[in-house]
Every structure is written in C-alpha cells, then in structure tokens.
Amino acid sequence: IRLWDVRTNNSKNSVLISDNTFRPSHKAWVSSVQWSPSNAYQLASTSHDGNVKIWDIRSSNPLHTVRTFSKEEKGLSLLWLAGDADADADADADREVIYAGGTDCILKRIDV
C-alpha cells in the first residue's frame, strides 16, 4: 500500500510527491482500503491474502493484523463504521466496527 502526499510549492510552481510505503504489507493483491470515520490517521485494508490490517499513516508497520478469511478465501471489500447502530449499551455505541466481505460470501465483523 502506498500513500501519496502531493503538495504544491508556490515559489517554483512544482509538485512535491512523498511516497509512504507500508511494510510489511499484504502478501497478495490489495482489494480494498477504507479510512477510519473518526481518525484521519488510520485506515484499514484487505487483500487476497485473507487478512485485514489496520494502519496508522504515521508508521510503516500495521497496528493490527486480523486473519479474517481462510487460506482458500480472499478478502474483497471493507466498510468501517463509527459506532454500532445495533448496540444495546451506551458504551458499545461509541465502538467502531469494520465489516469485511470476501469470496466465502460471509460478512465478517471486526470490533475496533
């Protein structure tokens, strides 16, 4: 996964590009990236390696890696939601949830 920080240098009208590569990243094709709804520095990714990784863009290593799908299955998409609409308790309503879908056709829930 690479993030590109593109900024304009007004004095020379040139574009500066900074490449921040996350390592160790996924071991297969990255199929989905989703930004955190409440933290501008965090994102999640999933790939054909079956993992969901949570990243902080200020670091090149993942904060968490969750084996979400079996070896035969691939991660295809993510949705990161702020708070849980189905939460019964007020404390759970503030928790964030990531939903991951893959080739196993089962929606997985990851509490953040």
PDB file of N, CA and C in Angstrom:
ATOM      1  N   ILE A   1       0.861  -1.175   0.000  1.00  0.00           N
ATOM      2  CA  ILE A   1       0.000   0.000   0.000  1.00  0.00           C
ATOM      3  C   ILE A   1       0.896   1.222   0.000  1.00  0.00           C
ATOM      4  N   ARG A   2       0.565   2.178  -0.828  1.00  0.00           N
ATOM      5  CA  ARG A   2       1.312   3.436  -0.871  1.00  0.00           C
ATOM      6  C   ARG A   2       0.353   4.612  -0.737  1.00  0.00           C
ATOM      7  N   LEU A   3       0.760   5.592   0.028  1.00  0.00           N
ATOM      8  CA  LEU A   3       0.037   6.855   0.140  1.00  0.00           C
ATOM      9  C   LEU A   3       0.877   7.923  -0.524  1.00  0.00           C
ATOM     10  N   TRP A   4       0.227   8.767  -1.284  1.00  0.00           N
ATOM     11  CA  TRP A   4       0.935   9.849  -1.961  1.00  0.00           C
ATOM     12  C   TRP A   4       0.494  11.173  -1.359  1.00  0.00           C
ATOM     13  N   ASP A   5       1.461  11.930  -0.883  1.00  0.00           N
ATOM     14  CA  ASP A   5       1.217  13.252  -0.328  1.00  0.00           C
ATOM     15  C   ASP A   5       1.655  14.262  -1.377  1.00  0.00           C
ATOM     16  N   VAL A   6       0.693  14.891  -2.024  1.00  0.00           N
ATOM     17  CA  VAL A   6       1.007  15.812  -3.111  1.00  0.00           C
ATOM     18  C   VAL A   6       0.747  17.234  -2.626  1.00  0.00           C
ATOM     19  N   ARG A   7       1.787  18.037  -2.645  1.00  0.00           N
ATOM     20  CA  ARG A   7       1.677  19.434  -2.221  1.00  0.00           C
ATOM     21  C   ARG A   7       2.343  20.326  -3.251  1.00  0.00           C
ATOM     22  N   THR A   8       1.843  21.534  -3.386  1.00  0.00           N
ATOM     23  CA  THR A   8       2.389  22.468  -4.351  1.00  0.00           C
ATOM     24  C   THR A   8       3.340  23.433  -3.675  1.00  0.00           C
ATOM     25  N   ASN A   9       4.512  23.581  -4.242  1.00  0.00           N
ATOM     26  CA  ASN A   9       5.475  24.561  -3.778  1.00  0.00           C
ATOM     27  C   ASN A   9       5.189  25.852  -4.556  1.00  0.00           C
ATOM     28  N   ASN A  10       4.597  26.847  -3.904  1.00  0.00           N
ATOM     29  CA  ASN A  10       4.158  28.064  -4.577  1.00  0.00           C
ATOM     30  C   ASN A  10       5.304  28.888  -5.161  1.00  0.00           C
ATOM     31  N   SER A  11       6.488  28.771  -4.598  1.00  0.00           N
ATOM     32  CA  SER A  11       7.590  29.590  -5.083  1.00  0.00           C
ATOM     33  C   SER A  11       8.113  29.120  -6.435  1.00  0.00           C
ATOM     34  N   LYS A  12       7.990  27.836  -6.744  1.00  0.00           N
ATOM     35  CA  LYS A  12       8.522  27.313  -8.007  1.00  0.00           C
ATOM     36  C   LYS A  12       7.444  26.681  -8.879  1.00  0.00           C
ATOM     37  N   ASN A  13       6.187  26.661  -8.405  1.00  0.00           N
ATOM     38  CA  ASN A  13       5.084  26.012  -9.121  1.00  0.00           C
ATOM     39  C   ASN A  13       5.385  24.557  -9.450  1.00  0.00           C
ATOM     40  N   SER A  14       6.092  23.878  -8.589  1.00  0.00           N
ATOM     41  CA  SER A  14       6.377  22.471  -8.805  1.00  0.00           C
ATOM     42  C   SER A  14       5.563  21.632  -7.817  1.00  0.00           C
ATOM     43  N   VAL A  15       5.391  20.382  -8.131  1.00  0.00           N
ATOM     44  CA  VAL A  15       4.638  19.479  -7.280  1.00  0.00           C
ATOM     45  C   VAL A  15       5.614  18.566  -6.560  1.00  0.00           C
ATOM     46  N   LEU A  16       5.499  18.504  -5.242  1.00  0.00           N
ATOM     47  CA  LEU A  16       6.334  17.630  -4.432  1.00  0.00           C
ATOM     48  C   LEU A  16       5.543  16.369  -4.113  1.00  0.00           C
ATOM     49  N   ILE A  17       6.152  15.226  -4.321  1.00  0.00           N
ATOM     50  CA  ILE A  17       5.479  13.967  -4.061  1.00  0.00           C
ATOM     51  C   ILE A  17       6.278  13.183  -3.028  1.00  0.00           C
ATOM     52  N   SER A  18       5.608  12.766  -1.974  1.00  0.00           N
ATOM     53  CA  SER A  18       6.230  11.949  -0.936  1.00  0.00           C
ATOM     54  C   SER A  18       5.563  10.581  -0.951  1.00  0.00           C
ATOM     55  N   ASP A  19       6.341   9.535  -1.073  1.00  0.00           N
ATOM     56  CA  ASP A  19       5.816   8.180  -1.138  1.00  0.00           C
ATOM     57  C   ASP A  19       6.019   7.501   0.212  1.00  0.00           C
ATOM     58  N   ASN A  20       4.918   7.204   0.902  1.00  0.00           N
ATOM     59  CA  ASN A  20       4.987   6.484   2.174  1.00  0.00           C
ATOM     60  C   ASN A  20       4.489   5.069   1.925  1.00  0.00           C
ATOM     61  N   THR A  21       5.374   4.109   1.944  1.00  0.00           N
ATOM     62  CA  THR A  21       5.020   2.723   1.694  1.00  0.00           C
ATOM     63  C   THR A  21       4.900   1.975   3.011  1.00  0.00           C
ATOM     64  N   PHE A  22       3.802   1.253   3.173  1.00  0.00           N
ATOM     65  CA  PHE A  22       3.586   0.466   4.373  1.00  0.00           C
ATOM     66  C   PHE A  22       4.251  -0.895   4.212  1.00  0.00           C
ATOM     67  N   ARG A  23       5.088  -1.262   5.168  1.00  0.00           N
ATOM     68  CA  ARG A  23       5.739  -2.568   5.145  1.00  0.00           C
ATOM     69  C   ARG A  23       5.732  -3.130   6.556  1.00  0.00           C
ATOM     70  N   PRO A  24       5.514  -4.390   6.798  1.00  0.00           N
ATOM     71  CA  PRO A  24       5.158  -5.387   5.795  1.00  0.00           C
ATOM     72  C   PRO A  24       3.690  -5.241   5.415  1.00  0.00           C
ATOM     73  N   SER A  25       3.461  -5.203   4.150  1.00  0.00           N
ATOM     74  CA  SER A  25       2.100  -5.055   3.677  1.00  0.00           C
ATOM     75  C   SER A  25       1.504  -6.435   3.421  1.00  0.00           C
ATOM     76  N   HIS A  26       0.492  -6.490   2.626  1.00  0.00           N
ATOM     77  CA  HIS A  26      -0.157  -7.761   2.320  1.00  0.00           C
ATOM     78  C   HIS A  26       0.726  -8.601   1.399  1.00  0.00           C
ATOM     79  N   LYS A  27       0.472  -9.895   1.401  1.00  0.00           N
ATOM     80  CA  LYS A  27       1.237 -10.824   0.572  1.00  0.00           C
ATOM     81  C   LYS A  27       0.525 -11.146  -0.738  1.00  0.00           C
ATOM     82  N   ALA A  28      -0.576 -10.468  -1.013  1.00  0.00           N
ATOM     83  CA  ALA A  28      -1.327 -10.666  -2.251  1.00  0.00           C
ATOM     84  C   ALA A  28      -1.989  -9.335  -2.628  1.00  0.00           C
ATOM     85  N   TRP A  29      -2.700  -9.346  -3.707  1.00  0.00           N
ATOM     86  CA  TRP A  29      -3.352  -8.157  -4.257  1.00  0.00           C
ATOM     87  C   TRP A  29      -4.245  -7.487  -3.215  1.00  0.00           C
ATOM     88  N   VAL A  30      -4.057  -6.178  -2.990  1.00  0.00           N
ATOM     89  CA  VAL A  30      -4.902  -5.407  -2.077  1.00  0.00           C
ATOM     90  C   VAL A  30      -6.181  -5.049  -2.818  1.00  0.00           C
ATOM     91  N   SER A  31      -7.307  -5.450  -2.257  1.00  0.00           N
ATOM     92  CA  SER A  31      -8.582  -5.270  -2.946  1.00  0.00           C
ATOM     93  C   SER A  31      -9.439  -4.135  -2.393  1.00  0.00           C
ATOM     94  N   SER A  32      -9.161  -3.680  -1.159  1.00  0.00           N
ATOM     95  CA  SER A  32      -9.975  -2.611  -0.586  1.00  0.00           C
ATOM     96  C   SER A  32      -9.203  -1.870   0.502  1.00  0.00           C
ATOM     97  N   VAL A  33      -9.392  -0.556   0.526  1.00  0.00           N
ATOM     98  CA  VAL A  33      -8.825   0.308   1.568  1.00  0.00           C
ATOM     99  C   VAL A  33      -9.953   1.207   2.047  1.00  0.00           C
ATOM    100  N   GLN A  34     -10.070   1.363   3.360  1.00  0.00           N
ATOM    101  CA  GLN A  34     -11.135   2.179   3.934  1.00  0.00           C
ATOM    102  C   GLN A  34     -10.559   3.056   5.039  1.00  0.00           C
ATOM    103  N   TRP A  35     -10.807   4.368   4.973  1.00  0.00           N
ATOM    104  CA  TRP A  35     -10.354   5.292   6.010  1.00  0.00           C
ATOM    105  C   TRP A  35     -11.245   5.192   7.230  1.00  0.00           C
ATOM    106  N   SER A  36     -10.663   5.411   8.394  1.00  0.00           N
ATOM    107  CA  SER A  36     -11.422   5.466   9.633  1.00  0.00           C
ATOM    108  C   SER A  36     -12.360   6.664   9.588  1.00  0.00           C
ATOM    109  N   PRO A  37     -13.606   6.501  10.046  1.00  0.00           N
ATOM    110  CA  PRO A  37     -14.532   7.636  10.049  1.00  0.00           C
ATOM    111  C   PRO A  37     -14.235   8.651  11.148  1.00  0.00           C
ATOM    112  N   SER A  38     -13.401   8.278  12.139  1.00  0.00           N
ATOM    113  CA  SER A  38     -13.165   9.184  13.268  1.00  0.00           C
ATOM    114  C   SER A  38     -11.702   9.567  13.467  1.00  0.00           C
ATOM    115  N   ASN A  39     -10.779   8.916  12.760  1.00  0.00           N
ATOM    116  CA  ASN A  39      -9.361   9.202  12.944  1.00  0.00           C
ATOM    117  C   ASN A  39      -8.712   9.381  11.574  1.00  0.00           C
ATOM    118  N   ALA A  40      -8.295  10.584  11.271  1.00  0.00           N
ATOM    119  CA  ALA A  40      -7.724  10.888   9.959  1.00  0.00           C
ATOM    120  C   ALA A  40      -6.391  10.195   9.704  1.00  0.00           C
ATOM    121  N   TYR A  41      -5.796   9.607  10.737  1.00  0.00           N
ATOM    122  CA  TYR A  41      -4.506   8.943  10.597  1.00  0.00           C
ATOM    123  C   TYR A  41      -4.619   7.429  10.426  1.00  0.00           C
ATOM    124  N   GLN A  42      -5.826   6.884  10.493  1.00  0.00           N
ATOM    125  CA  GLN A  42      -5.970   5.431  10.430  1.00  0.00           C
ATOM    126  C   GLN A  42      -6.764   4.981   9.214  1.00  0.00           C
ATOM    127  N   LEU A  43      -6.357   3.828   8.693  1.00  0.00           N
ATOM    128  CA  LEU A  43      -7.074   3.192   7.605  1.00  0.00           C
ATOM    129  C   LEU A  43      -6.988   1.688   7.769  1.00  0.00           C
ATOM    130  N   ALA A  44      -7.870   0.984   7.086  1.00  0.00           N
ATOM    131  CA  ALA A  44      -7.864  -0.474   7.098  1.00  0.00           C
ATOM    132  C   ALA A  44      -7.731  -0.946   5.658  1.00  0.00           C
ATOM    133  N   SER A  45      -7.151  -2.127   5.502  1.00  0.00           N
ATOM    134  CA  SER A  45      -7.002  -2.707   4.170  1.00  0.00           C
ATOM    135  C   SER A  45      -7.277  -4.205   4.243  1.00  0.00           C
ATOM    136  N   THR A  46      -7.747  -4.745   3.128  1.00  0.00           N
ATOM    137  CA  THR A  46      -7.903  -6.185   2.999  1.00  0.00           C
ATOM    138  C   THR A  46      -7.359  -6.601   1.649  1.00  0.00           C
ATOM    139  N   SER A  47      -7.043  -7.882   1.536  1.00  0.00           N
ATOM    140  CA  SER A  47      -6.449  -8.338   0.286  1.00  0.00           C
ATOM    141  C   SER A  47      -6.784  -9.794   0.021  1.00  0.00           C
ATOM    142  N   HIS A  48      -6.275 -10.277  -1.076  1.00  0.00           N
ATOM    143  CA  HIS A  48      -6.483 -11.670  -1.451  1.00  0.00           C
ATOM    144  C   HIS A  48      -5.708 -12.626  -0.562  1.00  0.00           C
ATOM    145  N   ASP A  49      -4.895 -12.116   0.368  1.00  0.00           N
ATOM    146  CA  ASP A  49      -4.212 -12.998   1.320  1.00  0.00           C
ATOM    147  C   ASP A  49      -5.107 -13.360   2.514  1.00  0.00           C
ATOM    148  N   GLY A  50      -6.322 -12.788   2.582  1.00  0.00           N
ATOM    149  CA  GLY A  50      -7.281 -13.129   3.625  1.00  0.00           C
ATOM    150  C   GLY A  50      -7.153 -12.344   4.908  1.00  0.00           C
ATOM    151  N   ASN A  51      -6.260 -11.358   4.957  1.00  0.00           N
ATOM    152  CA  ASN A  51      -6.048 -10.560   6.160  1.00  0.00           C
ATOM    153  C   ASN A  51      -6.708  -9.203   6.062  1.00  0.00           C
ATOM    154  N   VAL A  52      -7.088  -8.671   7.213  1.00  0.00           N
ATOM    155  CA  VAL A  52      -7.475  -7.270   7.347  1.00  0.00           C
ATOM    156  C   VAL A  52      -6.408  -6.633   8.221  1.00  0.00           C
ATOM    157  N   LYS A  53      -5.850  -5.514   7.745  1.00  0.00           N
ATOM    158  CA  LYS A  53      -4.814  -4.812   8.510  1.00  0.00           C
ATOM    159  C   LYS A  53      -5.305  -3.404   8.818  1.00  0.00           C
ATOM    160  N   ILE A  54      -4.992  -2.954  10.034  1.00  0.00           N
ATOM    161  CA  ILE A  54      -5.305  -1.590  10.451  1.00  0.00           C
ATOM    162  C   ILE A  54      -3.990  -0.849  10.558  1.00  0.00           C
ATOM    163  N   TRP A  55      -3.935   0.322   9.930  1.00  0.00           N
ATOM    164  CA  TRP A  55      -2.700   1.095   9.808  1.00  0.00           C
ATOM    165  C   TRP A  55      -2.865   2.473  10.420  1.00  0.00           C
ATOM    166  N   ASP A  56      -1.769   3.019  10.896  1.00  0.00           N
ATOM    167  CA  ASP A  56      -1.652   4.436  11.237  1.00  0.00           C
ATOM    168  C   ASP A  56      -0.663   5.006  10.234  1.00  0.00           C
ATOM    169  N   ILE A  57      -1.065   6.043   9.505  1.00  0.00           N
ATOM    170  CA  ILE A  57      -0.224   6.547   8.411  1.00  0.00           C
ATOM    171  C   ILE A  57       1.084   7.163   8.886  1.00  0.00           C
ATOM    172  N   ARG A  58       1.219   7.365  10.195  1.00  0.00           N
ATOM    173  CA  ARG A  58       2.470   7.904  10.727  1.00  0.00           C
ATOM    174  C   ARG A  58       3.511   6.819  10.954  1.00  0.00           C
ATOM    175  N   SER A  59       3.151   5.565  10.696  1.00  0.00           N
ATOM    176  CA  SER A  59       4.053   4.436  10.866  1.00  0.00           C
ATOM    177  C   SER A  59       4.003   3.559   9.622  1.00  0.00           C
ATOM    178  N   SER A  60       5.074   2.850   9.344  1.00  0.00           N
ATOM    179  CA  SER A  60       5.084   1.975   8.175  1.00  0.00           C
ATOM    180  C   SER A  60       4.688   0.538   8.520  1.00  0.00           C
ATOM    181  N   ASN A  61       4.444   0.242   9.791  1.00  0.00           N
ATOM    182  CA  ASN A  61       4.024  -1.093  10.215  1.00  0.00           C
ATOM    183  C   ASN A  61       2.560  -1.075  10.627  1.00  0.00           C
ATOM    184  N   PRO A  62       1.839  -2.174  10.395  1.00  0.00           N
ATOM    185  CA  PRO A  62       0.424  -2.201  10.774  1.00  0.00           C
ATOM    186  C   PRO A  62       0.239  -2.203  12.291  1.00  0.00           C
ATOM    187  N   LEU A  63      -0.843  -1.574  12.747  1.00  0.00           N
ATOM    188  CA  LEU A  63      -1.195  -1.606  14.166  1.00  0.00           C
ATOM    189  C   LEU A  63      -1.739  -2.981  14.541  1.00  0.00           C
ATOM    190  N   HIS A  64      -2.559  -3.550  13.653  1.00  0.00           N
ATOM    191  CA  HIS A  64      -3.177  -4.849  13.890  1.00  0.00           C
ATOM    192  C   HIS A  64      -3.289  -5.594  12.572  1.00  0.00           C
ATOM    193  N   THR A  65      -3.141  -6.908  12.636  1.00  0.00           N
ATOM    194  CA  THR A  65      -3.413  -7.783  11.504  1.00  0.00           C
ATOM    195  C   THR A  65      -4.374  -8.855  11.985  1.00  0.00           C
ATOM    196  N   VAL A  66      -5.504  -8.990  11.301  1.00  0.00           N
ATOM    197  CA  VAL A  66      -6.520  -9.962  11.688  1.00  0.00           C
ATOM    198  C   VAL A  66      -6.695 -10.947  10.536  1.00  0.00           C
ATOM    199  N   ARG A  67      -6.452 -12.222  10.819  1.00  0.00           N
ATOM    200  CA  ARG A  67      -6.688 -13.262   9.819  1.00  0.00           C
ATOM    201  C   ARG A  67      -8.201 -13.432   9.744  1.00  0.00           C
ATOM    202  N   THR A  68      -8.816 -12.896   8.710  1.00  0.00           N
ATOM    203  CA  THR A  68     -10.268 -12.829   8.602  1.00  0.00           C
ATOM    204  C   THR A  68     -10.846 -13.943   7.747  1.00  0.00           C
ATOM    205  N   PHE A  69     -10.125 -14.351   6.748  1.00  0.00           N
ATOM    206  CA  PHE A  69     -10.605 -15.371   5.820  1.00  0.00           C
ATOM    207  C   PHE A  69      -9.633 -16.549   5.801  1.00  0.00           C
ATOM    208  N   SER A  70     -10.133 -17.735   5.525  1.00  0.00           N
ATOM    209  CA  SER A  70      -9.280 -18.916   5.462  1.00  0.00           C
ATOM    210  C   SER A  70      -8.323 -18.809   4.280  1.00  0.00           C
ATOM    211  N   LYS A  71      -7.346 -19.697   4.223  1.00  0.00           N
ATOM    212  CA  LYS A  71      -6.324 -19.638   3.171  1.00  0.00           C
ATOM    213  C   LYS A  71      -6.911 -19.759   1.776  1.00  0.00           C
ATOM    214  N   GLU A  72      -8.032 -20.463   1.651  1.00  0.00           N
ATOM    215  CA  GLU A  72      -8.646 -20.649   0.339  1.00  0.00           C
ATOM    216  C   GLU A  72      -9.486 -19.451  -0.099  1.00  0.00           C
ATOM    217  N   GLU A  73      -9.793 -18.548   0.826  1.00  0.00           N
ATOM    218  CA  GLU A  73     -10.685 -17.424   0.548  1.00  0.00           C
ATOM    219  C   GLU A  73      -9.916 -16.104   0.464  1.00  0.00           C
ATOM    220  N   LYS A  74     -10.516 -15.138  -0.220  1.00  0.00           N
ATOM    221  CA  LYS A  74      -9.890 -13.835  -0.426  1.00  0.00           C
ATOM    222  C   LYS A  74     -10.756 -12.738   0.175  1.00  0.00           C
ATOM    223  N   GLY A  75     -10.106 -11.711   0.735  1.00  0.00           N
ATOM    224  CA  GLY A  75     -10.820 -10.521   1.178  1.00  0.00           C
ATOM    225  C   GLY A  75     -11.094  -9.631  -0.019  1.00  0.00           C
ATOM    226  N   LEU A  76     -12.329  -9.121  -0.129  1.00  0.00           N
ATOM    227  CA  LEU A  76     -12.697  -8.315  -1.292  1.00  0.00           C
ATOM    228  C   LEU A  76     -13.077  -6.878  -0.962  1.00  0.00           C
ATOM    229  N   SER A  77     -13.768  -6.651   0.163  1.00  0.00           N
ATOM    230  CA  SER A  77     -14.231  -5.293   0.441  1.00  0.00           C
ATOM    231  C   SER A  77     -14.308  -5.035   1.940  1.00  0.00           C
ATOM    232  N   LEU A  78     -14.287  -3.738   2.289  1.00  0.00           N
ATOM    233  CA  LEU A  78     -14.341  -3.291   3.685  1.00  0.00           C
ATOM    234  C   LEU A  78     -15.348  -2.162   3.829  1.00  0.00           C
ATOM    235  N   LEU A  79     -15.909  -2.061   5.022  1.00  0.00           N
ATOM    236  CA  LEU A  79     -16.713  -0.911   5.422  1.00  0.00           C
ATOM    237  C   LEU A  79     -16.388  -0.626   6.874  1.00  0.00           C
ATOM    238  N   TRP A  80     -15.902   0.582   7.166  1.00  0.00           N
ATOM    239  CA  TRP A  80     -15.535   0.980   8.524  1.00  0.00           C
ATOM    240  C   TRP A  80     -16.579   1.981   9.005  1.00  0.00           C
ATOM    241  N   LEU A  81     -17.316   1.613  10.039  1.00  0.00           N
ATOM    242  CA  LEU A  81     -18.396   2.453  10.552  1.00  0.00           C
ATOM    243  C   LEU A  81     -18.065   2.985  11.932  1.00  0.00           C
ATOM    244  N   ALA A  82     -18.482   4.210  12.188  1.00  0.00           N
ATOM    245  CA  ALA A  82     -18.321   4.825  13.512  1.00  0.00           C
ATOM    246  C   ALA A  82     -19.510   4.430  14.360  1.00  0.00           C
ATOM    247  N   GLY A  83     -19.250   3.756  15.475  1.00  0.00           N
ATOM    248  CA  GLY A  83     -20.323   3.340  16.366  1.00  0.00           C
ATOM    249  C   GLY A  83     -21.113   2.183  15.805  1.00  0.00           C
ATOM    250  N   ASP A  84     -21.782   1.466  16.658  1.00  0.00           N
ATOM    251  CA  ASP A  84     -22.566   0.301  16.273  1.00  0.00           C
ATOM    252  C   ASP A  84     -24.043   0.639  16.462  1.00  0.00           C
ATOM    253  N   ALA A  85     -24.773   0.680  15.381  1.00  0.00           N
ATOM    254  CA  ALA A  85     -26.190   1.030  15.437  1.00  0.00           C
ATOM    255  C   ALA A  85     -27.005  -0.008  16.195  1.00  0.00           C
ATOM    256  N   ASP A  86     -26.503  -1.253  16.268  1.00  0.00           N
ATOM    257  CA  ASP A  86     -27.225  -2.327  16.944  1.00  0.00           C
ATOM    258  C   ASP A  86     -26.848  -2.460  18.415  1.00  0.00           C
ATOM    259  N   ALA A  87     -26.010  -1.566  18.913  1.00  0.00           N
ATOM    260  CA  ALA A  87     -25.515  -1.693  20.292  1.00  0.00           C
ATOM    261  C   ALA A  87     -26.640  -1.453  21.290  1.00  0.00           C
ATOM    262  N   ASP A  88     -26.697  -2.313  22.313  1.00  0.00           N
ATOM    263  CA  ASP A  88     -27.705  -2.163  23.358  1.00  0.00           C
ATOM    264  C   ASP A  88     -27.252  -1.187  24.435  1.00  0.00           C
ATOM    265  N   ALA A  89     -25.976  -1.238  24.770  1.00  0.00           N
ATOM    266  CA  ALA A  89     -25.439  -0.386  25.837  1.00  0.00           C
ATOM    267  C   ALA A  89     -24.831   0.878  25.226  1.00  0.00           C
ATOM    268  N   ASP A  90     -24.883   1.961  25.988  1.00  0.00           N
ATOM    269  CA  ASP A  90     -24.323   3.221  25.509  1.00  0.00           C
ATOM    270  C   ASP A  90     -22.825   3.124  25.277  1.00  0.00           C
ATOM    271  N   ALA A  91     -22.115   2.340  26.068  1.00  0.00           N
ATOM    272  CA  ALA A  91     -20.662   2.188  25.928  1.00  0.00           C
ATOM    273  C   ALA A  91     -20.319   1.549  24.585  1.00  0.00           C
ATOM    274  N   ASP A  92     -21.128   0.600  24.133  1.00  0.00           N
ATOM    275  CA  ASP A  92     -20.871  -0.068  22.860  1.00  0.00           C
ATOM    276  C   ASP A  92     -21.198   0.816  21.665  1.00  0.00           C
ATOM    277  N   ALA A  93     -22.033   1.826  21.864  1.00  0.00           N
ATOM    278  CA  ALA A  93     -22.425   2.691  20.759  1.00  0.00           C
ATOM    279  C   ALA A  93     -21.250   3.513  20.238  1.00  0.00           C
ATOM    280  N   ASP A  94     -20.212   3.724  21.054  1.00  0.00           N
ATOM    281  CA  ASP A  94     -19.051   4.508  20.646  1.00  0.00           C
ATOM    282  C   ASP A  94     -17.994   3.662  19.942  1.00  0.00           C
ATOM    283  N   ARG A  95     -18.101   2.354  19.992  1.00  0.00           N
ATOM    284  CA  ARG A  95     -17.107   1.478  19.376  1.00  0.00           C
ATOM    285  C   ARG A  95     -17.258   1.493  17.866  1.00  0.00           C
ATOM    286  N   GLU A  96     -16.114   1.432  17.202  1.00  0.00           N
ATOM    287  CA  GLU A  96     -16.134   1.375  15.746  1.00  0.00           C
ATOM    288  C   GLU A  96     -16.127  -0.078  15.293  1.00  0.00           C
ATOM    289  N   VAL A  97     -16.667  -0.315  14.120  1.00  0.00           N
ATOM    290  CA  VAL A  97     -16.799  -1.656  13.589  1.00  0.00           C
ATOM    291  C   VAL A  97     -16.323  -1.665  12.142  1.00  0.00           C
ATOM    292  N   ILE A  98     -15.570  -2.702  11.787  1.00  0.00           N
ATOM    293  CA  ILE A  98     -15.190  -2.919  10.394  1.00  0.00           C
ATOM    294  C   ILE A  98     -15.909  -4.171   9.922  1.00  0.00           C
ATOM    295  N   TYR A  99     -16.583  -4.064   8.784  1.00  0.00           N
ATOM    296  CA  TYR A  99     -17.197  -5.225   8.153  1.00  0.00           C
ATOM    297  C   TYR A  99     -16.356  -5.579   6.939  1.00  0.00           C
ATOM    298  N   ALA A 100     -16.047  -6.873   6.807  1.00  0.00           N
ATOM    299  CA  ALA A 100     -15.222  -7.348   5.696  1.00  0.00           C
ATOM    300  C   ALA A 100     -15.976  -8.433   4.949  1.00  0.00           C
ATOM    301  N   GLY A 101     -15.982  -8.319   3.634  1.00  0.00           N
ATOM    302  CA  GLY A 101     -16.614  -9.324   2.792  1.00  0.00           C
ATOM    303  C   GLY A 101     -15.580  -9.976   1.907  1.00  0.00           C
ATOM    304  N   GLY A 102     -15.793 -11.252   1.611  1.00  0.00           N
ATOM    305  CA  GLY A 102     -14.826 -11.965   0.792  1.00  0.00           C
ATOM    306  C   GLY A 102     -15.479 -13.009  -0.089  1.00  0.00           C
ATOM    307  N   THR A 103     -14.639 -13.850  -0.662  1.00  0.00           N
ATOM    308  CA  THR A 103     -15.125 -14.867  -1.585  1.00  0.00           C
ATOM    309  C   THR A 103     -15.880 -15.995  -0.892  1.00  0.00           C
ATOM    310  N   ASP A 104     -15.871 -16.033   0.443  1.00  0.00           N
ATOM    311  CA  ASP A 104     -16.648 -17.043   1.161  1.00  0.00           C
ATOM    312  C   ASP A 104     -18.115 -16.638   1.302  1.00  0.00           C
ATOM    313  N   CYS A 105     -18.463 -15.415   0.839  1.00  0.00           N
ATOM    314  CA  CYS A 105     -19.841 -14.893   0.865  1.00  0.00           C
ATOM    315  C   CYS A 105     -20.393 -14.754   2.280  1.00  0.00           C
ATOM    316  N   ILE A 106     -19.507 -14.556   3.257  1.00  0.00           N
ATOM    317  CA  ILE A 106     -19.907 -14.342   4.648  1.00  0.00           C
ATOM    318  C   ILE A 106     -19.351 -13.002   5.094  1.00  0.00           C
ATOM    319  N   LEU A 107     -20.216 -12.143   5.628  1.00  0.00           N
ATOM    320  CA  LEU A 107     -19.797 -10.840   6.120  1.00  0.00           C
ATOM    321  C   LEU A 107     -19.179 -11.007   7.504  1.00  0.00           C
ATOM    322  N   LYS A 108     -17.934 -10.577   7.663  1.00  0.00           N
ATOM    323  CA  LYS A 108     -17.222 -10.696   8.939  1.00  0.00           C
ATOM    324  C   LYS A 108     -17.255  -9.343   9.654  1.00  0.00           C
ATOM    325  N   ARG A 109     -17.366  -9.392  10.979  1.00  0.00           N
ATOM    326  CA  ARG A 109     -17.387  -8.174  11.795  1.00  0.00           C
ATOM    327  C   ARG A 109     -16.133  -8.141  12.661  1.00  0.00           C
ATOM    328  N   ILE A 110     -15.454  -6.995  12.632  1.00  0.00           N
ATOM    329  CA  ILE A 110     -14.259  -6.778  13.445  1.00  0.00           C
ATOM    330  C   ILE A 110     -14.506  -5.553  14.308  1.00  0.00           C
ATOM    331  N   ASP A 111     -14.504  -5.733  15.621  1.00  0.00           N
ATOM    332  CA  ASP A 111     -14.685  -4.601  16.541  1.00  0.00           C
ATOM    333  C   ASP A 111     -13.339  -3.897  16.700  1.00  0.00           C
ATOM    334  N   VAL A 112     -13.344  -2.596  16.509  1.00  0.00           N
ATOM    335  CA  VAL A 112     -12.120  -1.810  16.581  1.00  0.00           C
ATOM    336  C   VAL A 112     -12.027  -1.132  17.926  1.00  0.00           C
TER     337      VAL A 112
END
